[in-house]
C-alpha atoms as a PDB file:
ATOM      1  CA  MET A   1       0.003  -0.031  -0.004  1.00  0.00           C
ATOM      2  CA  VAL A   2       1.190   3.496  -0.817  1.00  0.00           C
ATOM      3  CA  GLN A   3      -0.314   6.521   0.934  1.00  0.00           C
ATOM      4  CA  LEU A   4       0.353  10.227   0.317  1.00  0.00           C
ATOM      5  CA  ILE A   5       0.315  13.115   2.667  1.00  0.00           C
ATOM      6  CA  VAL A   6       0.207  16.248   0.483  1.00  0.00           C
ATOM      7  CA  GLY A   7       0.311  20.016   0.835  1.00  0.00           C
ATOM      8  CA  ASN A   8       2.427  22.974   0.099  1.00  0.00           C
ATOM      9  CA  LYS A   9       5.588  23.667   2.143  1.00  0.00           C
ATOM     10  CA  GLY A  10       4.936  24.720   5.700  1.00  0.00           C
ATOM     11  CA  LYS A  11       1.434  23.260   5.938  1.00  0.00           C
ATOM     12  CA  GLY A  12       2.280  20.598   8.668  1.00  0.00           C
ATOM     13  CA  LYS A  13       2.935  17.485   6.622  1.00  0.00           C
ATOM     14  CA  THR A  14       6.047  16.493   8.639  1.00  0.00           C
ATOM     15  CA  LYS A  15       4.195  16.910  11.974  1.00  0.00           C
ATOM     16  CA  TYR A  16       1.395  14.691  10.676  1.00  0.00           C
ATOM     17  CA  LEU A  17       3.920  12.141   9.362  1.00  0.00           C
ATOM     18  CA  LEU A  18       5.767  12.006  12.698  1.00  0.00           C
ATOM     19  CA  GLU A  19       2.541  11.533  14.656  1.00  0.00           C
ATOM     20  CA  LYS A  20       1.480   8.734  12.232  1.00  0.00           C
ATOM     21  CA  VAL A  21       4.783   6.871  12.390  1.00  0.00           C
ATOM     22  CA  ASN A  22       4.955   7.151  16.191  1.00  0.00           C
ATOM     23  CA  LYS A  23       1.376   5.795  16.483  1.00  0.00           C
ATOM     24  CA  GLU A  24       1.875   2.990  13.988  1.00  0.00           C
ATOM     25  CA  VAL A  25       5.168   1.760  15.440  1.00  0.00           C
ATOM     26  CA  LYS A  26       3.425   0.849  18.660  1.00  0.00           C
ATOM     27  CA  GLU A  27       1.256  -1.652  16.776  1.00  0.00           C
ATOM     28  CA  ALA A  28       3.825  -2.746  14.209  1.00  0.00           C
ATOM     29  CA  GLU A  29       4.957  -6.296  14.329  1.00  0.00           C
ATOM     30  CA  GLY A  30       7.893  -5.652  11.972  1.00  0.00           C
ATOM     31  CA  SER A  31      10.472  -2.966  11.422  1.00  0.00           C
ATOM     32  CA  VAL A  32       9.704   0.611  10.692  1.00  0.00           C
ATOM     33  CA  VAL A  33      12.067   2.924   8.675  1.00  0.00           C
ATOM     34  CA  TYR A  34      11.808   6.675   8.266  1.00  0.00           C
ATOM     35  CA  LEU A  35      13.773   8.338   5.423  1.00  0.00           C
ATOM     36  CA  ASP A  36      14.484  12.032   5.739  1.00  0.00           C
ATOM     37  CA  LYS A  37      16.878  14.669   4.283  1.00  0.00           C
ATOM     38  CA  SER A  38      18.459  15.246   7.702  1.00  0.00           C
ATOM     39  CA  THR A  39      18.492  14.023  11.338  1.00  0.00           C
ATOM     40  CA  LYS A  40      16.536  17.013  12.456  1.00  0.00           C
ATOM     41  CA  HIS A  41      13.605  14.968  13.722  1.00  0.00           C
ATOM     42  CA  MET A  42      15.619  12.171  15.404  1.00  0.00           C
ATOM     43  CA  TYR A  43      14.368  12.990  18.890  1.00  0.00           C
ATOM     44  CA  GLU A  44      10.728  13.338  17.801  1.00  0.00           C
ATOM     45  CA  LEU A  45      10.645   9.701  16.585  1.00  0.00           C
ATOM     46  CA  ASN A  46      10.002   6.680  18.701  1.00  0.00           C
ATOM     47  CA  ASN A  47      13.285   4.819  19.389  1.00  0.00           C
ATOM     48  CA  LYS A  48      11.899   1.723  17.617  1.00  0.00           C
ATOM     49  CA  VAL A  49      11.828   3.678  14.305  1.00  0.00           C
ATOM     50  CA  ARG A  50      15.030   3.514  12.273  1.00  0.00           C
ATOM     51  CA  LEU A  51      15.859   7.029  10.924  1.00  0.00           C
ATOM     52  CA  ILE A  52      17.926   7.141   7.765  1.00  0.00           C
ATOM     53  CA  ASN A  53      19.450  10.397   6.654  1.00  0.00           C
ATOM     54  CA  VAL A  54      19.278  10.011   2.847  1.00  0.00           C
ATOM     55  CA  SER A  55      21.669  12.997   2.404  1.00  0.00           C
ATOM     56  CA  ASP A  56      24.495  10.823   3.768  1.00  0.00           C
ATOM     57  CA  TYR A  57      24.348   8.448   0.814  1.00  0.00           C
ATOM     58  CA  MET A  58      24.967  10.859  -2.133  1.00  0.00           C
ATOM     59  CA  LEU A  59      21.892   9.772  -4.121  1.00  0.00           C
ATOM     60  CA  GLU A  60      21.815  11.961  -7.198  1.00  0.00           C
ATOM     61  CA  SER A  61      18.988  10.435  -9.226  1.00  0.00           C
ATOM     62  CA  THR A  62      15.593   8.936  -8.816  1.00  0.00           C
ATOM     63  CA  ASP A  63      16.961   5.581 -10.013  1.00  0.00           C
ATOM     64  CA  ALA A  64      19.626   5.741  -7.329  1.00  0.00           C
ATOM     65  CA  PHE A  65      16.949   6.380  -4.734  1.00  0.00           C
ATOM     66  CA  GLN A  66      14.850   3.477  -5.982  1.00  0.00           C
ATOM     67  CA  GLY A  67      17.922   1.213  -5.666  1.00  0.00           C
ATOM     68  CA  PHE A  68      18.519   2.583  -2.147  1.00  0.00           C
ATOM     69  CA  VAL A  69      14.961   1.683  -1.154  1.00  0.00           C
ATOM     70  CA  CYS A  70      15.268  -1.792  -2.634  1.00  0.00           C
ATOM     71  CA  GLY A  71      18.531  -2.216  -0.801  1.00  0.00           C
ATOM     72  CA  ILE A  72      16.838  -1.409   2.575  1.00  0.00           C
ATOM     73  CA  ILE A  73      14.047  -3.832   1.761  1.00  0.00           C
ATOM     74  CA  SER A  74      16.529  -6.599   0.805  1.00  0.00           C
ATOM     75  CA  GLN A  75      18.408  -6.281   4.098  1.00  0.00           C
ATOM     76  CA  ASP A  76      15.381  -6.389   6.475  1.00  0.00           C
ATOM     77  CA  HIS A  77      12.965  -9.263   5.892  1.00  0.00           C
ATOM     78  CA  ASP A  78      10.944  -8.006   8.835  1.00  0.00           C
ATOM     79  CA  LEU A  79      10.382  -4.535   7.296  1.00  0.00           C
ATOM     80  CA  GLN A  80       6.729  -3.598   7.523  1.00  0.00           C
ATOM     81  CA  GLN A  81       6.575   0.195   6.887  1.00  0.00           C
ATOM     82  CA  MET A  82       8.631   2.839   5.256  1.00  0.00           C
ATOM     83  CA  TYR A  83       7.983   6.641   5.729  1.00  0.00           C
ATOM     84  CA  PHE A  84       9.443   9.185   3.305  1.00  0.00           C
ATOM     85  CA  ASP A  85       9.534  12.799   4.562  1.00  0.00           C
ATOM     86  CA  SER A  86      10.181  15.434   1.896  1.00  0.00           C
ATOM     87  CA  PHE A  87       9.645  12.715  -0.741  1.00  0.00           C
ATOM     88  CA  LEU A  88      10.215  14.805  -3.868  1.00  0.00           C
ATOM     89  CA  ASN A  89      13.434  16.112  -2.446  1.00  0.00           C
ATOM     90  CA  ILE A  90      14.949  12.893  -1.212  1.00  0.00           C
ATOM     91  CA  ALA A  91      13.848  11.008  -4.375  1.00  0.00           C
ATOM     92  CA  ASN A  92      15.364  13.674  -6.666  1.00  0.00           C
ATOM     93  CA  MET A  93      12.219  14.196  -8.637  1.00  0.00           C
ATOM     94  CA  ASP A  94       9.437  16.714  -9.363  1.00  0.00           C
ATOM     95  CA  VAL A  95       5.742  16.186  -9.424  1.00  0.00           C
ATOM     96  CA  SER A  96       5.747  15.063 -13.119  1.00  0.00           C
ATOM     97  CA  GLY A  97       7.648  11.814 -12.167  1.00  0.00           C
ATOM     98  CA  ILE A  98       5.620  10.845  -9.204  1.00  0.00           C
ATOM     99  CA  THR A  99       3.143   8.551 -11.019  1.00  0.00           C
ATOM    100  CA  VAL A 100       5.823   6.202 -12.341  1.00  0.00           C
ATOM    101  CA  PHE A 101       7.567   6.033  -9.008  1.00  0.00           C
ATOM    102  CA  VAL A 102       4.413   5.484  -6.948  1.00  0.00           C
ATOM    103  CA  ASP A 103       3.505   2.607  -9.353  1.00  0.00           C
ATOM    104  CA  LYS A 104       6.972   1.069  -8.618  1.00  0.00           C
ATOM    105  CA  LEU A 105       6.422   1.459  -4.864  1.00  0.00           C
ATOM    106  CA  GLU A 106       3.025  -0.204  -5.227  1.00  0.00           C
ATOM    107  CA  LYS A 107       4.657  -3.198  -6.922  1.00  0.00           C
ATOM    108  CA  MET A 108       7.359  -3.395  -4.219  1.00  0.00           C
ATOM    109  CA  SER A 109       4.626  -3.196  -1.559  1.00  0.00           C
ATOM    110  CA  GLU A 110       2.728  -6.102  -3.040  1.00  0.00           C
ATOM    111  CA  LYS A 111       5.831  -8.203  -3.588  1.00  0.00           C
ATOM    112  CA  PHE A 112       7.603  -7.621  -0.201  1.00  0.00           C
ATOM    113  CA  GLY A 113       4.704  -6.687   2.078  1.00  0.00           C
ATOM    114  CA  VAL A 114       5.974  -3.211   2.885  1.00  0.00           C
ATOM    115  CA  ASP A 115       3.655  -0.209   3.289  1.00  0.00           C
ATOM    116  CA  PHE A 116       4.887   3.180   2.147  1.00  0.00           C
ATOM    117  CA  VAL A 117       3.691   6.615   3.394  1.00  0.00           C
ATOM    118  CA  LEU A 118       5.038   9.573   1.514  1.00  0.00           C
ATOM    119  CA  SER A 119       5.063  13.258   2.467  1.00  0.00           C
ATOM    120  CA  VAL A 120       4.787  15.284  -0.772  1.00  0.00           C
ATOM    121  CA  SER A 121       5.273  19.035  -0.934  1.00  0.00           C
ATOM    122  CA  ALA A 122       2.725  19.823  -3.616  1.00  0.00           C
ATOM    123  CA  ASP A 123      -0.914  20.904  -3.692  1.00  0.00           C
ATOM    124  CA  GLU A 124      -3.362  18.126  -4.290  1.00  0.00           C
ATOM    125  CA  ASN A 125      -4.524  19.778  -7.500  1.00  0.00           C
ATOM    126  CA  ASP A 126      -0.912  19.817  -8.834  1.00  0.00           C
ATOM    127  CA  LEU A 127      -0.615  16.013  -8.626  1.00  0.00           C
ATOM    128  CA  PRO A 128      -1.421  13.744 -11.491  1.00  0.00           C
ATOM    129  CA  GLU A 129      -4.960  12.226 -11.377  1.00  0.00           C
ATOM    130  CA  GLU A 130      -3.458   8.694 -11.190  1.00  0.00           C
ATOM    131  CA  VAL A 131      -2.016   9.215  -7.675  1.00  0.00           C
ATOM    132  CA  ARG A 132      -4.765  11.275  -6.102  1.00  0.00           C
ATOM    133  CA  SER A 133      -6.635   8.171  -4.940  1.00  0.00           C
ATOM    134  CA  LYS A 134      -3.666   7.430  -2.663  1.00  0.00           C
ATOM    135  CA  ILE A 135      -3.986  10.725  -0.741  1.00  0.00           C
ATOM    136  CA  ILE A 136      -4.902  10.169   2.929  1.00  0.00           C
ATOM    137  CA  VAL A 137      -4.360  13.786   4.017  1.00  0.00           C
ATOM    138  CA  SER A 138      -4.329  17.023   2.047  1.00  0.00           C
ATOM    139  CA  LEU A 139      -3.194  20.066   3.931  1.00  0.00           C
END
């Protein structure tokens, strides 16, 4: 399953994402990973959530980011959920590429049993129609 939290910058997406991950990790039976562009929110996350600072890994393309996500999945067979804060930024893409990437995440979710929650800095109306059904919160 892929879910989107959308809204323009400064609308509270990260706060919502942090609340969601901290709530979900209490009930999670497997591992939970949170990808971000920095370690700024380290102390706001439950200590059972693995925070990965994507900036440390010099990912310069969307394909590199996809490989990075696959690498995380391949190393943790108990992985249940992945949260992506500032998704467009950490995935090195703009709104126009989101449909293809969300489709890939959906296939990974089905194959490996991992749920993805993405924080996307864009207005709901700026997103392609194909991904709007995945929006759980629009701020």
